[in-house]
Amino acid sequence: MKIRAQFAIAVLLTGLFASNSIYAQQDSMKKLPDVTVTANTNVSKKVQDYFNAHFKDAENPKWFKLNQNYLVEFITADLNNHVLFHKNGSIIYHIKYGAEQNLPAEIRSLVKSNYYLDYKITKAINVLQDNRNIWVVNLEDSKKYVIVRVEDGELEEVSSLARTM
């Protein structure tokens, strides 16, 4: 009888700990604000003028309205670009999507040095925001995938994932 009582108490305590843990996890969830995206929207004159002045070689621009801001997707040379503008015409961010040949020589050299020498660069993404110039580079070899970030000459491994054979 004593063993059954101890077992029952252990089960009850385990249940209480589990329910508190689940409840705590639910409390920490935060809901992001809704974003409204509208395609082919009328772009403000300030935004259109800035875009035309600074991205003269842009091909096939596609405009979207994200809440009060404007997103334009376009191609320059062999890069896909996404630029998000405030409604007043200033840039929030500019992202360029490319490949190894789009990396500046010093960034490529840093990425391919030592540890990642035998890795293939599969994607190079350049993020320009708030006077920051960040490169996110996807790499792979026969054993794993790696994502590195380069900013101000510093290389940081963001994540790695083993390849399944």
C-alpha atoms as a PDB file:
ATOM      1  CA  MET A   1       0.000   0.000   0.000  1.00  0.00           C
ATOM      2  CA  LYS A   2       2.868   2.359   0.888  1.00  0.00           C
ATOM      3  CA  ILE A   3       4.478   1.809  -2.551  1.00  0.00           C
ATOM      4  CA  ARG A   4       1.185   2.582  -4.313  1.00  0.00           C
ATOM      5  CA  ALA A   5       0.833   5.828  -2.372  1.00  0.00           C
ATOM      6  CA  GLN A   6       4.406   6.868  -3.207  1.00  0.00           C
ATOM      7  CA  PHE A   7       3.792   6.000  -6.863  1.00  0.00           C
ATOM      8  CA  ALA A   8       0.567   8.015  -6.909  1.00  0.00           C
ATOM      9  CA  ILE A   9       2.315  11.016  -5.340  1.00  0.00           C
ATOM     10  CA  ALA A  10       5.177  10.724  -7.872  1.00  0.00           C
ATOM     11  CA  VAL A  11       2.710  10.622 -10.773  1.00  0.00           C
ATOM     12  CA  LEU A  12       0.790  13.596  -9.355  1.00  0.00           C
ATOM     13  CA  LEU A  13       3.972  15.665  -8.906  1.00  0.00           C
ATOM     14  CA  THR A  14       5.209  14.755 -12.399  1.00  0.00           C
ATOM     15  CA  GLY A  15       1.872  15.856 -13.822  1.00  0.00           C
ATOM     16  CA  LEU A  16       2.028  19.150 -11.933  1.00  0.00           C
ATOM     17  CA  PHE A  17       5.594  19.848 -13.103  1.00  0.00           C
ATOM     18  CA  ALA A  18       4.678  18.992 -16.691  1.00  0.00           C
ATOM     19  CA  SER A  19       1.590  21.204 -16.658  1.00  0.00           C
ATOM     20  CA  ASN A  20       3.569  24.115 -15.172  1.00  0.00           C
ATOM     21  CA  SER A  21       6.229  23.652 -17.832  1.00  0.00           C
ATOM     22  CA  ILE A  22       3.660  23.622 -20.627  1.00  0.00           C
ATOM     23  CA  TYR A  23       1.907  26.650 -19.153  1.00  0.00           C
ATOM     24  CA  ALA A  24       5.212  28.539 -18.858  1.00  0.00           C
ATOM     25  CA  GLN A  25       6.019  27.833 -22.472  1.00  0.00           C
ATOM     26  CA  GLN A  26       2.653  29.162 -23.573  1.00  0.00           C
ATOM     27  CA  ASP A  27       3.117  32.361 -21.570  1.00  0.00           C
ATOM     28  CA  SER A  28       6.390  33.103 -23.346  1.00  0.00           C
ATOM     29  CA  MET A  29       4.830  33.013 -26.817  1.00  0.00           C
ATOM     30  CA  LYS A  30       4.478  36.407 -28.426  1.00  0.00           C
ATOM     31  CA  LYS A  31       2.200  37.197 -31.319  1.00  0.00           C
ATOM     32  CA  LEU A  32       3.756  39.262 -34.073  1.00  0.00           C
ATOM     33  CA  PRO A  33       1.679  42.089 -35.492  1.00  0.00           C
ATOM     34  CA  ASP A  34      -0.268  41.365 -38.645  1.00  0.00           C
ATOM     35  CA  VAL A  35       1.348  42.487 -41.890  1.00  0.00           C
ATOM     36  CA  THR A  36      -0.833  43.467 -44.816  1.00  0.00           C
ATOM     37  CA  VAL A  37       0.768  42.913 -48.226  1.00  0.00           C
ATOM     38  CA  THR A  38      -0.791  44.399 -51.333  1.00  0.00           C
ATOM     39  CA  ALA A  39       0.607  43.730 -54.801  1.00  0.00           C
ATOM     40  CA  ASN A  40       0.806  46.227 -57.674  1.00  0.00           C
ATOM     41  CA  THR A  41       0.080  49.170 -55.453  1.00  0.00           C
ATOM     42  CA  ASN A  42       0.345  52.877 -56.206  1.00  0.00           C
ATOM     43  CA  VAL A  43       3.779  53.892 -54.979  1.00  0.00           C
ATOM     44  CA  SER A  44       4.266  57.323 -53.432  1.00  0.00           C
ATOM     45  CA  LYS A  45       6.113  59.879 -55.562  1.00  0.00           C
ATOM     46  CA  LYS A  46       8.944  60.228 -53.007  1.00  0.00           C
ATOM     47  CA  VAL A  47       9.594  56.487 -53.061  1.00  0.00           C
ATOM     48  CA  GLN A  48       9.339  56.241 -56.847  1.00  0.00           C
ATOM     49  CA  ASP A  49      11.710  59.194 -57.356  1.00  0.00           C
ATOM     50  CA  TYR A  50      14.308  57.766 -54.972  1.00  0.00           C
ATOM     51  CA  PHE A  51      14.074  54.345 -56.581  1.00  0.00           C
ATOM     52  CA  ASN A  52      14.446  55.736 -60.104  1.00  0.00           C
ATOM     53  CA  ALA A  53      17.443  57.878 -59.095  1.00  0.00           C
ATOM     54  CA  HIS A  54      19.353  55.159 -57.214  1.00  0.00           C
ATOM     55  CA  PHE A  55      18.443  51.983 -59.100  1.00  0.00           C
ATOM     56  CA  LYS A  56      18.655  53.087 -62.737  1.00  0.00           C
ATOM     57  CA  ASP A  57      19.661  49.620 -63.956  1.00  0.00           C
ATOM     58  CA  ALA A  58      16.734  47.867 -62.231  1.00  0.00           C
ATOM     59  CA  GLU A  59      14.869  45.424 -64.421  1.00  0.00           C
ATOM     60  CA  ASN A  60      11.306  44.210 -63.971  1.00  0.00           C
ATOM     61  CA  PRO A  61      10.448  45.983 -60.685  1.00  0.00           C
ATOM     62  CA  LYS A  62       7.461  44.569 -58.816  1.00  0.00           C
ATOM     63  CA  TRP A  63       5.974  46.740 -56.072  1.00  0.00           C
ATOM     64  CA  PHE A  64       4.160  45.659 -52.922  1.00  0.00           C
ATOM     65  CA  LYS A  65       2.759  47.632 -50.026  1.00  0.00           C
ATOM     66  CA  LEU A  66       3.583  46.257 -46.567  1.00  0.00           C
ATOM     67  CA  ASN A  67       1.436  48.136 -44.091  1.00  0.00           C
ATOM     68  CA  GLN A  68       2.693  51.731 -44.527  1.00  0.00           C
ATOM     69  CA  ASN A  69       5.948  50.774 -46.313  1.00  0.00           C
ATOM     70  CA  TYR A  70       6.796  49.799 -49.890  1.00  0.00           C
ATOM     71  CA  LEU A  71       8.728  46.718 -50.999  1.00  0.00           C
ATOM     72  CA  VAL A  72      10.169  46.488 -54.480  1.00  0.00           C
ATOM     73  CA  GLU A  73      11.642  43.322 -55.972  1.00  0.00           C
ATOM     74  CA  PHE A  74      13.825  43.699 -59.054  1.00  0.00           C
ATOM     75  CA  ILE A  75      16.886  42.400 -60.887  1.00  0.00           C
ATOM     76  CA  THR A  76      20.198  44.181 -61.460  1.00  0.00           C
ATOM     77  CA  ALA A  77      22.889  42.415 -63.472  1.00  0.00           C
ATOM     78  CA  ASP A  78      22.545  38.853 -62.161  1.00  0.00           C
ATOM     79  CA  LEU A  79      21.265  39.693 -58.668  1.00  0.00           C
ATOM     80  CA  ASN A  80      17.753  39.526 -57.282  1.00  0.00           C
ATOM     81  CA  ASN A  81      17.098  42.556 -55.064  1.00  0.00           C
ATOM     82  CA  HIS A  82      14.540  43.412 -52.406  1.00  0.00           C
ATOM     83  CA  VAL A  83      14.382  46.965 -51.093  1.00  0.00           C
ATOM     84  CA  LEU A  84      11.985  48.084 -48.372  1.00  0.00           C
ATOM     85  CA  PHE A  85      11.195  51.815 -48.276  1.00  0.00           C
ATOM     86  CA  HIS A  86       9.542  53.941 -45.612  1.00  0.00           C
ATOM     87  CA  LYS A  87       6.595  55.848 -47.024  1.00  0.00           C
ATOM     88  CA  ASN A  88       8.774  59.013 -46.869  1.00  0.00           C
ATOM     89  CA  GLY A  89      11.216  57.521 -49.399  1.00  0.00           C
ATOM     90  CA  SER A  90      14.066  56.446 -47.112  1.00  0.00           C
ATOM     91  CA  ILE A  91      15.403  52.892 -47.306  1.00  0.00           C
ATOM     92  CA  ILE A  92      14.797  50.492 -44.416  1.00  0.00           C
ATOM     93  CA  TYR A  93      16.862  47.688 -45.933  1.00  0.00           C
ATOM     94  CA  HIS A  94      18.286  46.417 -49.220  1.00  0.00           C
ATOM     95  CA  ILE A  95      18.901  42.686 -49.730  1.00  0.00           C
ATOM     96  CA  LYS A  96      20.800  41.290 -52.723  1.00  0.00           C
ATOM     97  CA  TYR A  97      20.610  37.570 -53.515  1.00  0.00           C
ATOM     98  CA  GLY A  98      23.471  36.101 -55.510  1.00  0.00           C
ATOM     99  CA  ALA A  99      26.097  33.369 -55.758  1.00  0.00           C
ATOM    100  CA  GLU A 100      29.821  32.947 -55.179  1.00  0.00           C
ATOM    101  CA  GLN A 101      30.767  35.164 -58.128  1.00  0.00           C
ATOM    102  CA  ASN A 102      28.865  38.039 -56.490  1.00  0.00           C
ATOM    103  CA  LEU A 103      30.980  38.009 -53.340  1.00  0.00           C
ATOM    104  CA  PRO A 104      33.634  40.712 -53.036  1.00  0.00           C
ATOM    105  CA  ALA A 105      37.126  39.179 -53.238  1.00  0.00           C
ATOM    106  CA  GLU A 106      37.954  39.900 -49.582  1.00  0.00           C
ATOM    107  CA  ILE A 107      34.715  38.286 -48.348  1.00  0.00           C
ATOM    108  CA  ARG A 108      35.221  35.216 -50.560  1.00  0.00           C
ATOM    109  CA  SER A 109      38.822  34.907 -49.377  1.00  0.00           C
ATOM    110  CA  LEU A 110      37.761  35.121 -45.721  1.00  0.00           C
ATOM    111  CA  VAL A 111      35.024  32.515 -46.170  1.00  0.00           C
ATOM    112  CA  LYS A 112      37.222  30.097 -48.124  1.00  0.00           C
ATOM    113  CA  SER A 113      40.187  30.413 -45.736  1.00  0.00           C
ATOM    114  CA  ASN A 114      41.218  27.541 -43.497  1.00  0.00           C
ATOM    115  CA  TYR A 115      38.119  25.797 -42.168  1.00  0.00           C
ATOM    116  CA  TYR A 116      35.817  26.255 -45.197  1.00  0.00           C
ATOM    117  CA  LEU A 117      38.491  25.778 -47.869  1.00  0.00           C
ATOM    118  CA  ASP A 118      36.913  22.610 -49.315  1.00  0.00           C
ATOM    119  CA  TYR A 119      33.319  23.869 -49.111  1.00  0.00           C
ATOM    120  CA  LYS A 120      31.290  24.973 -52.114  1.00  0.00           C
ATOM    121  CA  ILE A 121      29.572  28.362 -51.830  1.00  0.00           C
ATOM    122  CA  THR A 122      25.959  27.842 -52.915  1.00  0.00           C
ATOM    123  CA  LYS A 123      24.378  31.210 -52.074  1.00  0.00           C
ATOM    124  CA  ALA A 124      25.588  34.688 -51.132  1.00  0.00           C
ATOM    125  CA  ILE A 125      23.170  37.196 -49.637  1.00  0.00           C
ATOM    126  CA  ASN A 126      24.107  40.806 -48.921  1.00  0.00           C
ATOM    127  CA  VAL A 127      22.033  42.730 -46.348  1.00  0.00           C
ATOM    128  CA  LEU A 128      22.431  46.511 -46.202  1.00  0.00           C
ATOM    129  CA  GLN A 129      20.634  48.122 -43.260  1.00  0.00           C
ATOM    130  CA  ASP A 130      21.370  50.971 -40.844  1.00  0.00           C
ATOM    131  CA  ASN A 131      24.881  51.540 -42.260  1.00  0.00           C
ATOM    132  CA  ARG A 132      25.660  47.837 -41.801  1.00  0.00           C
ATOM    133  CA  ASN A 133      26.929  45.609 -44.601  1.00  0.00           C
ATOM    134  CA  ILE A 134      26.356  41.948 -43.763  1.00  0.00           C
ATOM    135  CA  TRP A 135      27.052  38.938 -45.980  1.00  0.00           C
ATOM    136  CA  VAL A 136      25.249  35.661 -45.284  1.00  0.00           C
ATOM    137  CA  VAL A 137      26.903  32.791 -47.135  1.00  0.00           C
ATOM    138  CA  ASN A 138      25.569  29.254 -47.574  1.00  0.00           C
ATOM    139  CA  LEU A 139      28.224  26.547 -47.924  1.00  0.00           C
ATOM    140  CA  GLU A 140      28.196  22.804 -48.362  1.00  0.00           C
ATOM    141  CA  ASP A 141      30.542  19.867 -48.572  1.00  0.00           C
ATOM    142  CA  SER A 142      29.948  16.121 -48.713  1.00  0.00           C
ATOM    143  CA  LYS A 143      29.175  15.940 -44.977  1.00  0.00           C
ATOM    144  CA  LYS A 144      27.307  19.087 -43.998  1.00  0.00           C
ATOM    145  CA  TYR A 145      25.652  22.402 -44.827  1.00  0.00           C
ATOM    146  CA  VAL A 146      26.925  25.561 -43.156  1.00  0.00           C
ATOM    147  CA  ILE A 147      25.692  29.156 -42.960  1.00  0.00           C
ATOM    148  CA  VAL A 148      28.207  31.862 -42.073  1.00  0.00           C
ATOM    149  CA  ARG A 149      27.803  35.578 -41.506  1.00  0.00           C
ATOM    150  CA  VAL A 150      30.485  38.129 -42.336  1.00  0.00           C
ATOM    151  CA  GLU A 151      30.380  41.692 -40.992  1.00  0.00           C
ATOM    152  CA  ASP A 152      33.258  44.135 -40.518  1.00  0.00           C
ATOM    153  CA  GLY A 153      35.826  41.485 -41.462  1.00  0.00           C
ATOM    154  CA  GLU A 154      34.567  39.061 -38.799  1.00  0.00           C
ATOM    155  CA  LEU A 155      33.299  35.621 -39.813  1.00  0.00           C
ATOM    156  CA  GLU A 156      30.775  33.817 -37.604  1.00  0.00           C
ATOM    157  CA  GLU A 157      29.246  30.382 -38.176  1.00  0.00           C
ATOM    158  CA  VAL A 158      25.510  30.820 -37.733  1.00  0.00           C
ATOM    159  CA  SER A 159      24.440  27.210 -38.189  1.00  0.00           C
ATOM    160  CA  SER A 160      25.478  23.853 -39.545  1.00  0.00           C
ATOM    161  CA  LEU A 161      23.504  20.768 -40.465  1.00  0.00           C
ATOM    162  CA  ALA A 162      24.751  17.276 -41.208  1.00  0.00           C
ATOM    163  CA  ARG A 163      23.848  15.966 -44.649  1.00  0.00           C
ATOM    164  CA  THR A 164      21.834  12.793 -44.773  1.00  0.00           C
ATOM    165  CA  MET A 165      23.192  10.159 -47.068  1.00  0.00           C
END
